[in-house]
Amino acid sequence: MGRFRRLMANLRGRDLAVGDIHGHFQRLKHCLDAVGFDPAVDRLFSVGDLVDRGPDSEAALEWLAQPWFHAVQGNHEALAITRVRGGRLDLDMYRAAGGSWFLDLPRAEQLPFVQRFEQLPIAIEVESAAGLVGLLHADSPFAEWAELRSWLELDDNPEVREVCQWSRRRLKFGDTRPVNGLRALLVGHTPVLEAKQLGNVWHLDTGGWASGHFTLMDMRTLKLVSPRPGETATPQPAAPA
């Protein structure tokens, strides 16, 4: 599957992107319903952190099996991989970050999650008529998107991957320098009250997993998508289409 994935433009429907989900798939499904998401023609792109904190983390495998759902690997997926594959991990930190559901599963039940999470790319780029749109979980370690693409395609460098999945530098310093070679880079990881643009980098984690305010962006227009008139994004149980 590779650390880097490129997808062609969606000529039939919309491409929507969403911030961190963190185990709130039922809440997300209602938000998608409220904006008229049609899985027959539309696609949904996730900036990672599908699991931990919310009640529906185990639904991640069902969503990842949908042909219309595409996700990069977030740091929470990386934590699960590290736990099972034997890397160094602060278990108290992981549990405090919402990983109890995973830590308490028998190993045989952890494996399907880890095997699927390992297949997720670190970066995705999606073609559009107006230019490439990239997705990472946290930030790009390089000012040139092509340089990141080369690193991910040629070498699994842990330092590069760490910036992609863990960095909060851009928001911390208000860095507005663009990532060249992209129309826009969409990221999550660090919660913001409203979607925030720095240079051509959009931070989309508006804490939908905490407050219910998921932000959906139309990747063709780079506009935020609102519910249709008369509909709200109040959470209610639902299942993937």
C-alpha atoms as a PDB file:
ATOM      1  CA  MET A   1       0.000   0.000   0.000  1.00  0.00           C
ATOM      2  CA  GLY A   2       2.895   2.349   0.662  1.00  0.00           C
ATOM      3  CA  ARG A   3       3.523   5.351   2.878  1.00  0.00           C
ATOM      4  CA  PHE A   4       2.330   7.739   0.161  1.00  0.00           C
ATOM      5  CA  ARG A   5      -0.858   7.467  -1.873  1.00  0.00           C
ATOM      6  CA  ARG A   6      -2.169   9.497  -4.781  1.00  0.00           C
ATOM      7  CA  LEU A   7      -5.812   9.487  -5.861  1.00  0.00           C
ATOM      8  CA  MET A   8      -7.346  10.825  -9.031  1.00  0.00           C
ATOM      9  CA  ALA A   9      -9.912  13.590  -8.966  1.00  0.00           C
ATOM     10  CA  ASN A  10     -13.484  12.616  -8.148  1.00  0.00           C
ATOM     11  CA  LEU A  11     -15.446  13.421 -11.305  1.00  0.00           C
ATOM     12  CA  ARG A  12     -18.774  12.057 -10.062  1.00  0.00           C
ATOM     13  CA  GLY A  13     -19.323  13.667  -6.659  1.00  0.00           C
ATOM     14  CA  ARG A  14     -17.729  15.575  -3.822  1.00  0.00           C
ATOM     15  CA  ASP A  15     -14.523  14.935  -1.925  1.00  0.00           C
ATOM     16  CA  LEU A  16     -14.987  15.969   1.707  1.00  0.00           C
ATOM     17  CA  ALA A  17     -12.287  16.062   4.383  1.00  0.00           C
ATOM     18  CA  VAL A  18     -12.831  15.813   8.130  1.00  0.00           C
ATOM     19  CA  GLY A  19     -10.693  16.416  11.206  1.00  0.00           C
ATOM     20  CA  ASP A  20      -9.870  13.878  13.924  1.00  0.00           C
ATOM     21  CA  ILE A  21     -12.697  11.391  14.572  1.00  0.00           C
ATOM     22  CA  HIS A  22     -11.472   9.723  17.800  1.00  0.00           C
ATOM     23  CA  GLY A  23     -14.043   6.967  18.024  1.00  0.00           C
ATOM     24  CA  HIS A  24     -17.124   9.086  17.308  1.00  0.00           C
ATOM     25  CA  PHE A  25     -18.267   7.494  14.058  1.00  0.00           C
ATOM     26  CA  GLN A  26     -21.967   7.660  14.887  1.00  0.00           C
ATOM     27  CA  ARG A  27     -21.671  11.390  15.496  1.00  0.00           C
ATOM     28  CA  LEU A  28     -19.724  11.771  12.244  1.00  0.00           C
ATOM     29  CA  LYS A  29     -22.305   9.773  10.304  1.00  0.00           C
ATOM     30  CA  HIS A  30     -25.029  12.159  11.399  1.00  0.00           C
ATOM     31  CA  CYS A  31     -22.898  15.130  10.317  1.00  0.00           C
ATOM     32  CA  LEU A  32     -22.439  13.514   6.898  1.00  0.00           C
ATOM     33  CA  ASP A  33     -26.177  12.903   6.625  1.00  0.00           C
ATOM     34  CA  ALA A  34     -26.790  16.568   7.454  1.00  0.00           C
ATOM     35  CA  VAL A  35     -24.700  17.724   4.484  1.00  0.00           C
ATOM     36  CA  GLY A  36     -26.230  15.199   2.094  1.00  0.00           C
ATOM     37  CA  PHE A  37     -23.189  12.931   1.790  1.00  0.00           C
ATOM     38  CA  ASP A  38     -23.852  10.320  -0.913  1.00  0.00           C
ATOM     39  CA  PRO A  39     -21.524   7.304  -0.614  1.00  0.00           C
ATOM     40  CA  ALA A  40     -22.436   6.258  -4.156  1.00  0.00           C
ATOM     41  CA  VAL A  41     -20.544   9.234  -5.599  1.00  0.00           C
ATOM     42  CA  ASP A  42     -18.918  11.197  -2.752  1.00  0.00           C
ATOM     43  CA  ARG A  43     -15.688  10.359  -0.901  1.00  0.00           C
ATOM     44  CA  LEU A  44     -14.620  11.183   2.661  1.00  0.00           C
ATOM     45  CA  PHE A  45     -10.987  11.816   3.569  1.00  0.00           C
ATOM     46  CA  SER A  46      -9.743  11.608   7.160  1.00  0.00           C
ATOM     47  CA  VAL A  47      -6.608  13.305   8.498  1.00  0.00           C
ATOM     48  CA  GLY A  48      -6.132  10.414  10.931  1.00  0.00           C
ATOM     49  CA  ASP A  49      -6.801   9.629  14.593  1.00  0.00           C
ATOM     50  CA  LEU A  50      -9.798   7.447  13.887  1.00  0.00           C
ATOM     51  CA  VAL A  51      -9.737   5.818  17.311  1.00  0.00           C
ATOM     52  CA  ASP A  52      -9.428   6.386  21.087  1.00  0.00           C
ATOM     53  CA  ARG A  53     -11.527   8.619  23.381  1.00  0.00           C
ATOM     54  CA  GLY A  54     -14.960   7.925  21.864  1.00  0.00           C
ATOM     55  CA  PRO A  55     -17.338   4.950  22.226  1.00  0.00           C
ATOM     56  CA  ASP A  56     -17.130   3.689  18.632  1.00  0.00           C
ATOM     57  CA  SER A  57     -13.401   3.055  18.105  1.00  0.00           C
ATOM     58  CA  GLU A  58     -14.018  -0.536  17.046  1.00  0.00           C
ATOM     59  CA  ALA A  59     -16.105   0.767  14.123  1.00  0.00           C
ATOM     60  CA  ALA A  60     -12.880   2.008  12.505  1.00  0.00           C
ATOM     61  CA  LEU A  61     -12.429  -1.302  10.663  1.00  0.00           C
ATOM     62  CA  GLU A  62     -15.951  -1.129   9.235  1.00  0.00           C
ATOM     63  CA  TRP A  63     -15.376   2.418   8.003  1.00  0.00           C
ATOM     64  CA  LEU A  64     -11.954   1.608   6.557  1.00  0.00           C
ATOM     65  CA  ALA A  65     -13.584  -1.184   4.558  1.00  0.00           C
ATOM     66  CA  GLN A  66     -15.826   1.321   2.757  1.00  0.00           C
ATOM     67  CA  PRO A  67     -14.601   2.184  -0.769  1.00  0.00           C
ATOM     68  CA  TRP A  68     -15.540   5.848  -0.254  1.00  0.00           C
ATOM     69  CA  PHE A  69     -13.495   6.328   2.959  1.00  0.00           C
ATOM     70  CA  HIS A  70      -9.783   7.172   2.852  1.00  0.00           C
ATOM     71  CA  ALA A  71      -7.541   7.984   5.826  1.00  0.00           C
ATOM     72  CA  VAL A  72      -3.940   8.777   6.638  1.00  0.00           C
ATOM     73  CA  GLN A  73      -2.323   7.178   9.671  1.00  0.00           C
ATOM     74  CA  GLY A  74      -2.535   9.406  12.735  1.00  0.00           C
ATOM     75  CA  ASN A  75      -0.455   9.225  15.885  1.00  0.00           C
ATOM     76  CA  HIS A  76      -3.196   7.238  17.649  1.00  0.00           C
ATOM     77  CA  GLU A  77      -3.091   4.565  14.956  1.00  0.00           C
ATOM     78  CA  ALA A  78       0.700   4.620  15.340  1.00  0.00           C
ATOM     79  CA  LEU A  79       0.346   4.078  19.103  1.00  0.00           C
ATOM     80  CA  ALA A  80      -1.683   0.920  18.511  1.00  0.00           C
ATOM     81  CA  ILE A  81       0.913  -0.345  16.042  1.00  0.00           C
ATOM     82  CA  THR A  82       3.734   0.359  18.484  1.00  0.00           C
ATOM     83  CA  ARG A  83       1.910  -1.469  21.271  1.00  0.00           C
ATOM     84  CA  VAL A  84       1.516  -4.663  19.272  1.00  0.00           C
ATOM     85  CA  ARG A  85       4.774  -4.581  17.317  1.00  0.00           C
ATOM     86  CA  GLY A  86       6.940  -4.110  20.394  1.00  0.00           C
ATOM     87  CA  GLY A  87       8.154  -0.513  20.208  1.00  0.00           C
ATOM     88  CA  ARG A  88       8.723   1.769  23.183  1.00  0.00           C
ATOM     89  CA  LEU A  89       5.453   3.089  24.564  1.00  0.00           C
ATOM     90  CA  ASP A  90       4.315   4.929  27.683  1.00  0.00           C
ATOM     91  CA  LEU A  91       1.259   2.858  28.568  1.00  0.00           C
ATOM     92  CA  ASP A  92      -0.029   5.370  31.129  1.00  0.00           C
ATOM     93  CA  MET A  93       0.105   8.113  28.490  1.00  0.00           C
ATOM     94  CA  TYR A  94      -1.635   5.875  25.960  1.00  0.00           C
ATOM     95  CA  ARG A  95      -4.396   4.965  28.397  1.00  0.00           C
ATOM     96  CA  ALA A  96      -4.855   8.630  29.391  1.00  0.00           C
ATOM     97  CA  ALA A  97      -5.137   9.504  25.689  1.00  0.00           C
ATOM     98  CA  GLY A  98      -8.109   7.174  25.312  1.00  0.00           C
ATOM     99  CA  GLY A  99      -6.388   3.906  24.398  1.00  0.00           C
ATOM    100  CA  SER A 100      -7.949   1.741  27.123  1.00  0.00           C
ATOM    101  CA  TRP A 101     -10.398   0.125  24.693  1.00  0.00           C
ATOM    102  CA  PHE A 102      -7.429  -1.163  22.666  1.00  0.00           C
ATOM    103  CA  LEU A 103      -5.075  -2.011  25.533  1.00  0.00           C
ATOM    104  CA  ASP A 104      -7.766  -4.139  27.161  1.00  0.00           C
ATOM    105  CA  LEU A 105      -8.494  -6.194  24.031  1.00  0.00           C
ATOM    106  CA  PRO A 106      -6.953  -9.683  23.788  1.00  0.00           C
ATOM    107  CA  ARG A 107      -3.968  -9.652  21.449  1.00  0.00           C
ATOM    108  CA  ALA A 108      -5.833 -11.713  18.849  1.00  0.00           C
ATOM    109  CA  GLU A 109      -8.456  -8.965  18.677  1.00  0.00           C
ATOM    110  CA  GLN A 110      -5.832  -6.203  18.536  1.00  0.00           C
ATOM    111  CA  LEU A 111      -4.149  -7.686  15.484  1.00  0.00           C
ATOM    112  CA  PRO A 112      -6.846  -6.893  12.866  1.00  0.00           C
ATOM    113  CA  PHE A 113      -6.720  -3.231  13.874  1.00  0.00           C
ATOM    114  CA  VAL A 114      -2.933  -3.072  13.718  1.00  0.00           C
ATOM    115  CA  GLN A 115      -2.750  -4.890  10.398  1.00  0.00           C
ATOM    116  CA  ARG A 116      -5.228  -2.436   8.878  1.00  0.00           C
ATOM    117  CA  PHE A 117      -3.622   0.631  10.483  1.00  0.00           C
ATOM    118  CA  GLU A 118      -0.230  -0.417   9.086  1.00  0.00           C
ATOM    119  CA  GLN A 119      -1.695  -0.220   5.591  1.00  0.00           C
ATOM    120  CA  LEU A 120      -2.697   3.418   6.000  1.00  0.00           C
ATOM    121  CA  PRO A 121      -0.440   5.896   4.198  1.00  0.00           C
ATOM    122  CA  ILE A 122       1.311   8.674   6.073  1.00  0.00           C
ATOM    123  CA  ALA A 123       0.335  11.122   3.317  1.00  0.00           C
ATOM    124  CA  ILE A 124      -2.349  11.292   0.643  1.00  0.00           C
ATOM    125  CA  GLU A 125      -2.587  13.668  -2.293  1.00  0.00           C
ATOM    126  CA  VAL A 126      -5.779  14.121  -4.286  1.00  0.00           C
ATOM    127  CA  GLU A 127      -5.956  15.653  -7.728  1.00  0.00           C
ATOM    128  CA  SER A 128      -8.404  18.435  -8.462  1.00  0.00           C
ATOM    129  CA  ALA A 129      -8.933  20.828 -11.346  1.00  0.00           C
ATOM    130  CA  ALA A 130      -7.433  23.617  -9.233  1.00  0.00           C
ATOM    131  CA  GLY A 131      -4.346  21.650  -8.115  1.00  0.00           C
ATOM    132  CA  LEU A 132      -3.199  18.995  -5.682  1.00  0.00           C
ATOM    133  CA  VAL A 133      -4.657  18.808  -2.176  1.00  0.00           C
ATOM    134  CA  GLY A 134      -2.547  16.947   0.393  1.00  0.00           C
ATOM    135  CA  LEU A 135      -3.495  15.318   3.677  1.00  0.00           C
ATOM    136  CA  LEU A 136      -1.285  14.564   6.673  1.00  0.00           C
ATOM    137  CA  HIS A 137      -2.126  14.078  10.312  1.00  0.00           C
ATOM    138  CA  ALA A 138      -0.006  16.876  11.821  1.00  0.00           C
ATOM    139  CA  ASP A 139       2.399  18.783   9.532  1.00  0.00           C
ATOM    140  CA  SER A 140       4.947  18.486   6.751  1.00  0.00           C
ATOM    141  CA  PRO A 141       8.604  18.385   7.783  1.00  0.00           C
ATOM    142  CA  PHE A 142       9.547  19.941   4.434  1.00  0.00           C
ATOM    143  CA  ALA A 143       8.615  23.153   2.645  1.00  0.00           C
ATOM    144  CA  GLU A 144       8.318  21.189  -0.605  1.00  0.00           C
ATOM    145  CA  TRP A 145       5.584  18.550  -0.931  1.00  0.00           C
ATOM    146  CA  ALA A 146       7.641  16.746  -3.576  1.00  0.00           C
ATOM    147  CA  GLU A 147      10.445  16.285  -1.037  1.00  0.00           C
ATOM    148  CA  LEU A 148       8.082  14.668   1.442  1.00  0.00           C
ATOM    149  CA  ARG A 149       6.686  12.445  -1.305  1.00  0.00           C
ATOM    150  CA  SER A 150      10.206  11.278  -2.164  1.00  0.00           C
ATOM    151  CA  TRP A 151      11.082  10.516   1.472  1.00  0.00           C
ATOM    152  CA  LEU A 152       7.915   8.521   2.030  1.00  0.00           C
ATOM    153  CA  GLU A 153       8.199   6.597  -1.231  1.00  0.00           C
ATOM    154  CA  LEU A 154      11.864   5.740  -0.832  1.00  0.00           C
ATOM    155  CA  ASP A 155      12.520   5.424   2.897  1.00  0.00           C
ATOM    156  CA  ASP A 156      10.555   4.837   6.080  1.00  0.00           C
ATOM    157  CA  ASN A 157      12.384   7.474   8.097  1.00  0.00           C
ATOM    158  CA  PRO A 158      11.087   7.613  11.699  1.00  0.00           C
ATOM    159  CA  GLU A 159      12.036  11.280  12.124  1.00  0.00           C
ATOM    160  CA  VAL A 160      10.060  12.289   9.033  1.00  0.00           C
ATOM    161  CA  ARG A 161       7.116  10.178  10.163  1.00  0.00           C
ATOM    162  CA  GLU A 162       7.225  11.717  13.644  1.00  0.00           C
ATOM    163  CA  VAL A 163       6.817  15.253  12.284  1.00  0.00           C
ATOM    164  CA  CYS A 164       4.009  14.110   9.982  1.00  0.00           C
ATOM    165  CA  GLN A 165       2.111  12.563  12.905  1.00  0.00           C
ATOM    166  CA  TRP A 166       3.067  14.529  16.029  1.00  0.00           C
ATOM    167  CA  SER A 167       4.255  18.073  15.227  1.00  0.00           C
ATOM    168  CA  ARG A 168       2.392  21.081  16.637  1.00  0.00           C
ATOM    169  CA  ARG A 169       5.061  23.564  15.562  1.00  0.00           C
ATOM    170  CA  ARG A 170       3.093  25.395  12.867  1.00  0.00           C
ATOM    171  CA  LEU A 171       0.196  26.292  15.155  1.00  0.00           C
ATOM    172  CA  LYS A 172       2.478  27.032  18.095  1.00  0.00           C
ATOM    173  CA  PHE A 173       4.453  29.622  16.133  1.00  0.00           C
ATOM    174  CA  GLY A 174       1.705  30.795  13.774  1.00  0.00           C
ATOM    175  CA  ASP A 175       3.876  29.784  10.803  1.00  0.00           C
ATOM    176  CA  THR A 176       2.219  30.957   7.583  1.00  0.00           C
ATOM    177  CA  ARG A 177       4.900  29.695   5.187  1.00  0.00           C
ATOM    178  CA  PRO A 178       3.256  27.488   2.556  1.00  0.00           C
ATOM    179  CA  VAL A 179       3.976  23.890   1.672  1.00  0.00           C
ATOM    180  CA  ASN A 180       4.967  24.371  -1.950  1.00  0.00           C
ATOM    181  CA  GLY A 181       3.576  22.115  -4.642  1.00  0.00           C
ATOM    182  CA  LEU A 182       0.113  21.941  -3.128  1.00  0.00           C
ATOM    183  CA  ARG A 183      -3.003  24.019  -3.475  1.00  0.00           C
ATOM    184  CA  ALA A 184      -3.759  23.143   0.151  1.00  0.00           C
ATOM    185  CA  LEU A 185      -2.557  20.795   2.894  1.00  0.00           C
ATOM    186  CA  LEU A 186      -5.245  19.507   5.266  1.00  0.00           C
ATOM    187  CA  VAL A 187      -4.207  18.396   8.770  1.00  0.00           C
ATOM    188  CA  GLY A 188      -5.627  17.688  12.217  1.00  0.00           C
ATOM    189  CA  HIS A 189      -3.947  16.558  15.463  1.00  0.00           C
ATOM    190  CA  THR A 190      -4.191  19.831  17.372  1.00  0.00           C
ATOM    191  CA  PRO A 191      -7.744  20.915  18.319  1.00  0.00           C
ATOM    192  CA  VAL A 192      -8.809  24.405  17.223  1.00  0.00           C
ATOM    193  CA  LEU A 193     -12.084  26.198  17.947  1.00  0.00           C
ATOM    194  CA  GLU A 194     -12.737  26.799  14.263  1.00  0.00           C
ATOM    195  CA  ALA A 195     -10.948  25.578  11.147  1.00  0.00           C
ATOM    196  CA  LYS A 196      -7.751  27.614  10.923  1.00  0.00           C
ATOM    197  CA  GLN A 197      -5.661  28.426   7.855  1.00  0.00           C
ATOM    198  CA  LEU A 198      -1.917  29.142   8.119  1.00  0.00           C
ATOM    199  CA  GLY A 199      -0.381  29.699   4.717  1.00  0.00           C
ATOM    200  CA  ASN A 200      -1.943  26.980   2.582  1.00  0.00           C
ATOM    201  CA  VAL A 201      -2.276  24.601   5.557  1.00  0.00           C
ATOM    202  CA  TRP A 202      -5.758  24.077   6.992  1.00  0.00           C
ATOM    203  CA  HIS A 203      -6.205  22.727  10.531  1.00  0.00           C
ATOM    204  CA  LEU A 204      -9.496  20.832  10.612  1.00  0.00           C
ATOM    205  CA  ASP A 205      -9.643  19.216  14.058  1.00  0.00           C
ATOM    206  CA  THR A 206     -12.385  21.302  15.625  1.00  0.00           C
ATOM    207  CA  GLY A 207     -12.934  18.765  18.389  1.00  0.00           C
ATOM    208  CA  GLY A 208     -15.908  16.955  16.910  1.00  0.00           C
ATOM    209  CA  TRP A 209     -14.963  14.056  19.173  1.00  0.00           C
ATOM    210  CA  ALA A 210     -15.383  16.323  22.217  1.00  0.00           C
ATOM    211  CA  SER A 211     -18.026  18.930  21.365  1.00  0.00           C
ATOM    212  CA  GLY A 212     -19.773  17.389  18.368  1.00  0.00           C
ATOM    213  CA  HIS A 213     -18.530  20.158  16.049  1.00  0.00           C
ATOM    214  CA  PHE A 214     -16.974  18.228  13.174  1.00  0.00           C
ATOM    215  CA  THR A 215     -15.655  20.399  10.367  1.00  0.00           C
ATOM    216  CA  LEU A 216     -16.177  19.144   6.833  1.00  0.00           C
ATOM    217  CA  MET A 217     -14.299  20.766   3.939  1.00  0.00           C
ATOM    218  CA  ASP A 218     -15.086  20.428   0.245  1.00  0.00           C
ATOM    219  CA  MET A 219     -11.667  19.624  -1.201  1.00  0.00           C
ATOM    220  CA  ARG A 220     -12.559  21.020  -4.624  1.00  0.00           C
ATOM    221  CA  THR A 221     -13.594  24.466  -3.420  1.00  0.00           C
ATOM    222  CA  LEU A 222     -11.756  24.550  -0.047  1.00  0.00           C
ATOM    223  CA  LYS A 223     -15.022  25.787   1.446  1.00  0.00           C
ATOM    224  CA  LEU A 224     -16.419  24.511   4.726  1.00  0.00           C
ATOM    225  CA  VAL A 225     -19.589  22.511   4.233  1.00  0.00           C
ATOM    226  CA  SER A 226     -22.614  23.347   6.375  1.00  0.00           C
ATOM    227  CA  PRO A 227     -25.733  21.248   7.014  1.00  0.00           C
ATOM    228  CA  ARG A 228     -28.655  21.716   4.670  1.00  0.00           C
ATOM    229  CA  PRO A 229     -31.315  24.207   5.829  1.00  0.00           C
ATOM    230  CA  GLY A 230     -33.441  22.811   8.622  1.00  0.00           C
ATOM    231  CA  GLU A 231     -30.898  20.152   9.586  1.00  0.00           C
ATOM    232  CA  THR A 232     -28.385  20.209  12.413  1.00  0.00           C
ATOM    233  CA  ALA A 233     -25.417  18.076  13.372  1.00  0.00           C
ATOM    234  CA  THR A 234     -26.894  16.902  16.669  1.00  0.00           C
ATOM    235  CA  PRO A 235     -25.352  13.498  17.460  1.00  0.00           C
ATOM    236  CA  GLN A 236     -27.599  10.478  17.140  1.00  0.00           C
ATOM    237  CA  PRO A 237     -26.890   6.768  16.560  1.00  0.00           C
ATOM    238  CA  ALA A 238     -26.293   5.735  12.975  1.00  0.00           C
ATOM    239  CA  ALA A 239     -24.178   3.275  11.027  1.00  0.00           C
ATOM    240  CA  PRO A 240     -21.973   3.654   7.941  1.00  0.00           C
ATOM    241  CA  ALA A 241     -23.883   3.639   4.673  1.00  0.00           C
END
